[in-house]
Amino acid sequence: MTERDSKWSASRPRLTPGLVLWGVLAISALVLLAQNSTDTTVQFFWFDVTAPLFVVIGAALLIGWGLGELGSKIWSRRRRRQSDH
């Protein structure tokens, strides 16, 4: 093995189960979005919006992700405050 080979293997990113899971989820989300292109109407309170279904699904995915991130930050802050006392 040459010095170049050892440097390449040391700097090469590792394929972890978590990374594979995120890849599968991302590909599944893209397929779901691509297969749903018909227009749909969304009613929320007094708003009526007509958009392709993939836009509605994508917005729902982004909102869900954002709420998950927000909940995670709130949860970790609460746990950090409890451990300080």
Protein backbone atom coordinates (compact mmCIF):
# COMPACT_ATOMS: atom_id res chain seq x y z
CA MET A 1 0.00 0.00 0.00
CA THR A 2 1.40 3.36 -0.95
CA GLU A 3 1.30 6.55 1.08
CA ARG A 4 -1.29 7.94 -1.31
CA ASP A 5 -3.59 4.94 -0.76
CA SER A 6 -3.41 5.27 3.02
CA LYS A 7 -4.25 8.99 2.85
CA TRP A 8 -7.23 8.24 0.60
CA SER A 9 -8.66 5.60 2.91
CA ALA A 10 -8.17 7.80 5.97
CA SER A 11 -9.99 10.77 4.46
CA ARG A 12 -12.77 8.80 2.78
CA PRO A 13 -16.18 9.33 4.41
CA ARG A 14 -17.71 6.36 6.20
CA LEU A 15 -21.06 4.89 5.15
CA THR A 16 -23.01 4.60 8.40
CA PRO A 17 -26.48 3.08 8.93
CA GLY A 18 -27.81 6.51 9.84
CA LEU A 19 -26.50 7.97 6.59
CA VAL A 20 -28.09 5.12 4.62
CA LEU A 21 -31.41 5.68 6.41
CA TRP A 22 -31.35 9.41 5.60
CA GLY A 23 -30.56 8.59 1.98
CA VAL A 24 -33.47 6.15 1.72
CA LEU A 25 -35.82 8.67 3.35
CA ALA A 26 -34.67 11.47 1.03
CA ILE A 27 -35.10 9.33 -2.09
CA SER A 28 -38.52 8.16 -0.88
CA ALA A 29 -39.61 11.76 -0.31
CA LEU A 30 -38.43 12.76 -3.79
CA VAL A 31 -40.31 9.85 -5.41
CA LEU A 32 -43.43 10.72 -3.42
CA LEU A 33 -43.21 14.33 -4.57
CA ALA A 34 -42.56 13.43 -8.21
CA GLN A 35 -45.50 11.03 -8.46
CA ASN A 36 -48.08 13.52 -7.13
CA SER A 37 -48.40 16.34 -9.66
CA THR A 38 -52.18 16.81 -9.84
CA ASP A 39 -53.67 20.08 -8.59
CA THR A 40 -55.43 20.08 -5.25
CA THR A 41 -57.13 22.70 -3.11
CA VAL A 42 -56.06 23.19 0.49
CA GLN A 43 -58.40 24.96 2.88
CA PHE A 44 -56.91 26.37 6.06
CA PHE A 45 -59.18 28.62 8.11
CA TRP A 46 -60.32 31.23 5.58
CA PHE A 47 -57.56 30.56 3.04
CA ASP A 48 -58.16 28.48 -0.09
CA VAL A 49 -55.02 27.63 -2.06
CA THR A 50 -54.83 25.56 -5.21
CA ALA A 51 -51.43 24.03 -5.87
CA PRO A 52 -49.90 20.83 -7.23
CA LEU A 53 -50.09 18.04 -4.67
CA PHE A 54 -46.28 17.69 -4.58
CA VAL A 55 -46.03 21.31 -3.41
CA VAL A 56 -48.55 20.64 -0.63
CA ILE A 57 -46.73 17.45 0.41
CA GLY A 58 -43.36 19.22 0.26
CA ALA A 59 -44.68 22.07 2.41
CA ALA A 60 -46.06 19.56 4.91
CA LEU A 61 -42.69 17.77 5.03
CA LEU A 62 -40.84 21.05 5.61
CA ILE A 63 -43.29 22.18 8.29
CA GLY A 64 -42.99 18.80 10.02
CA TRP A 65 -39.21 18.93 9.88
CA GLY A 66 -39.20 22.48 11.26
CA LEU A 67 -41.53 21.55 14.11
CA GLY A 68 -39.33 18.56 14.92
CA GLU A 69 -36.23 20.76 15.05
CA LEU A 70 -38.03 23.32 17.21
CA GLY A 71 -39.28 20.61 19.58
CA SER A 72 -35.79 19.14 19.81
CA LYS A 73 -34.28 22.51 20.74
CA ILE A 74 -36.98 23.17 23.33
CA TRP A 75 -36.54 19.67 24.80
CA SER A 76 -32.74 19.95 25.03
CA ARG A 77 -32.99 23.42 26.59
CA ARG A 78 -35.46 22.12 29.17
CA ARG A 79 -33.22 19.16 30.02
CA ARG A 80 -30.18 21.43 30.27
CA ARG A 81 -32.04 23.74 32.69
CA GLN A 82 -33.18 20.79 34.81
CA SER A 83 -29.64 19.44 35.04
CA ASP A 84 -28.34 22.85 36.17
CA HIS A 85 -30.58 22.84 39.23
